[in-house]
């Protein structure tokens, strides 16, 4: 550890020794914000006022406590007489014991009450004092306070003041020796104290107790030892005797090394809470090592015990804890909290007082360390909630509850002191940036010149964007399906959520071990069960409460039993942890969801099984750390439901498992590879880190908190699909029913009809390599199964919906420069799908008589009302022919194929598919202005109402939506409508046209048409591009108006916040793109068209290392209209830009205003295809 400390000190000194790097605009902007920050000024003024009230911790407290005084002595020096500052310090020395110990606090003798064992001093008879023997920080606090006084005042003569024949400096050394002599553990070579929560003074063994007794559990923690090291540094800075310096420097270095050896968990990158010397006061089953101590970690950083990289990791961990707990700030004492009842003190309930309460006097200290180590941007963001609550509550409080409710004295001077110093540090840094010739330094912790001026390039982030993700959003379906709160790693096999009807359903039936296909099949029911009679245990479901939903972690409690369930995922495995509350019989219940399968448990207590789903098998292998005492099947003949009894002794039980599409042995291998240990916290932290990286790729500023929740939740949902099912070197494919060796991913579970329009374009920006892997997977499926799939599920091709939309996806990738796939084979498969396969909705396989008709006549024929279906392949119950939308969909797909044919120099085929791409014109009735079905004779079908025509002619929506389903030839479409002006008027009317029926009747025939504005449908994919079409009609201001209205009206941060089926990322990706201010109308043309960004700044970290930024100046909920635009400083006069401009790392600047600028971007035009 000595090397680590030396490394830390040297690396920081190198900052100050090296030439100051050229300042970036980002630093200067931040510095100017800090210097002009009125909130800081207000808090600073309030702090100066509150400290004038005295030297006690706060109004209502009689004592002057040394560890509190240490936090605000420098603030007090701003306004209080120097004589009084010194007098307080000297009073503590007056009460110093013969062994060198320092008292906790003193009080006027006439106010000394019962409850403490007071000591008295003949040299200072005015006061009585008491010693809190639970704490081990009083000596260190006084030494630090003296150093702070001398560092600020320059009065080194104070060190020579005598108290009963000994100088202040001598008494400081006595205090250090007391700790070495009386609080030193020989085994570990570190200081001990009583068991408390982090830096606290409350023992678990007593309702209230400030003294050690026979019940106390002694232990070593990071806070006491870090505080001691800081005190030694302070003493060394004041001591000029070389011999004494050498001695205490050696002590410091030895302590630093031992702290790293014994208290630092290298693997978890955190400090161990306690090393117990006479046993733990907590139950044996309680895993205390998962708890993260914020205060002690902050002190360790101040003591120089962590490298700069570890400081950054620690800050991220603290912010992760804040996000998970919902705490107001990094003042959060610790996380997770000690359970209810672990401390006899009634105030030590979870997130109460020192057990997870939010204390600024340690959060503020962490802020100072972030500034010290160069993480100024993070520090500035993280201090905001601390400053805001001071002003909001008009006072400084001891601690805050999860909901921000303040507690304790409203004049807590410790909070005022640390905030005052943090503001001072911010200002010192900022002035060093804007005035680089300033010579002042930020305060050190003991060595002169140790802390450099911080003008290095600001890096990284502070709070994780995960804090904005709320998987409950959209948890109740408006008409159709709810959006599930899926817990998983991005694009990974294991996907878990509680099995219930929707977010309003208050009971959980089971937990699936995985979701096999989005919104379709679940596999392997799992449920912990407590008590109950034998028959009812098979069907018990529990009422949930206190549910925690995140992408990486799930937990909930059950009302009936008090049990709590936690889950954290890996890619092909998962980890459940169950906390049983009552001493009754406990069970693990396993079952089969889909009617065919088997669950087994062997003599060693390992579970395994398979489940058949649509012709394939999924397997699992799992183990528990509990002993299996009983085994019972619901039906021993089929072994589909198993109840494994684990007795009543186990209070915390873990179950971890792997899944596979290959075999049980492979499932076991997946588990052992991904979760080899019984360390739930490690699995959870890894999942957090994965998601943190994904969601940090896009950063936004501005907007409301609610808008950020909508945005980042949508971004999280865009990572559910596709799913990589390669299992470490091989995968099972349902497309030829074989296991294939492969070192590359194999992706399944894509609903291309939904995803091609927004999800794939979004990830061609964020994850182009994965998009290529997914396309390669589709090509492999074609090689294995003979067709390019429609909905490429793990169970095989699910021929849902219409069209050949893989063509749009593959063409879009190619023309965006994604080339690492076999275009010739992809084209071959797309061509076969178009010319030789059936186009009938929800069918796959060879072409039929209807397809021959389409190929010969250029449209899919419809049936007149009442006409009987004659083609057996058509679903006559619900899906029917969808003749118009089949024609428009394949017109677009064929246009995309034509572009690829041109790339392959297939001139004749390019011409063929170009001709077919105009087929949509065959069904546009110019005299009516609508897409209109024709029969097989070429006659317009009557009667026909564009509002009410259902699946006979259209897919999920009506003619008002499919009128605009010609993304590839907007100029041709507008011409059919009578020109751009007529098209604009028709587009206006779309948003105004009455339904013509009561909604319940309209939705009876159009249940997918949710999120209605006139006849426009926000809740379904076919209409997503429509609001942007004004950009091609010379009226981009109307797109800006519509998009902003639609985002604000239909996408909200509540359980009703998605207006239709979310479709596994399809709708969510649209939200992400639209909230950033742009969208791609035509996949296949690498051009994005502008809307109205919700945020004032959007930054996308591109995989090539470059940065694309959108800056919306003067943006607000009223200023929604683009006044002018520029790209890389050059005027942008069209409402679109190219994909190349994104990946080249451009900056798009939009000047926003409250009134539309109808001239900007008003020239009519169309982006070219290539």
Foldseek 3Di string as FASTA:
>chain_A
DLVLLVVQLVVQVVCFVDDFDDFDPVLLVLLVCLVVPVLLVVLLVLLLVLLVVDQPQFPPDQKRFLLLSLLALLSNVVPPDPVVSLVQLVVQVQPQDPQLATFGTKGQPVPDDPDFPWDAGPQDRRIITGHQQQALQRLLSSLSSVLSSCVVPVPLCQQQDDHPRDGVLRSNVSNLVSQVVPQADPVLRFGKGFDDQQRDQAHQVDLRGRYDDPPTWMWDALQSLLSSLLSLLSSLLSDPDPVVNVVSVVSSSVSLVSCCVPFQDVVVLAGAGTDTDHDDLDDPPDDSRLKGALLSVLSCLLSSSHHLVSLQVSLAVLLVQCLQVLALASLFGMPPFDDPSSGSHPQRHGQGDNRGWRALLRRLSSLLSCLLSQQPQQSVVRCVSVSVLCVVVVFHAGTAGSVGHGDHHRSRSSNSSSSSLSSVSSNQLSCCQVPVVDDDFRDGSRDPPSGHRRSDDHDDHGRFLQSLADLLAQQDFPQDAGRFLWAAFFQFFATWGFDDRTPPGQKGFFIARGAQFPPDDGFKGKDKDFDDDDVCRQGDIFGWDPWRGTNAKTKIAGPVFRKMWIKGDDRFKIKIKIFGDDQTKMKMKIFGDPPAKAWDADPVGKIKMWYDDLHFIKIKIKHKPADFDDWDAPDVVRRGMIITIRHRPDRMMMMMMGMARPDHVLRVVLRCVLPVDPDPSVRSVVSVVSLSVQLVQKDFFFFDSFLSSLQSNLSSLLRHDFHFRARQFWHAALLQRDIGGDPATATAHAQLVQALFFSLVVCCFAPVVVLQSHLQNQLVSCVRRVARARHGGSNGHFQADFALNVLLSVLLSVVLPSDPHDLVSVLVRLVCCQQFWDGAHRDTDGHDPQSVLCLVPLWRAFDAVPDDDDDPVADPPAQARLTLANNLRHLQSLQSSLVSCVVVVVVVSNVSSPVSNPSNVLQQDLVVRWRFHHHSVSHTHPDDDQLQDANSHRDLAGGLLVLCSNLPCVVVSCVSQPHLVSVVVSLVVQQVAASPDPPVVSCVRRVQQWPHRRRQRLQGRSRLLSLCCVLQSLFQQSSQVVLLVSLVPQATNHSRRHGGDCSSSSSSSSSNQVLQFWGDSRSLAQKIFGYFHSGQKMWRQGPVRAIEMEGEPPDDSQFREFPWKDKQPHTDQGRMDGSVSGVVRIYIYTYTGRDYPSRRNRDHDDRDSD
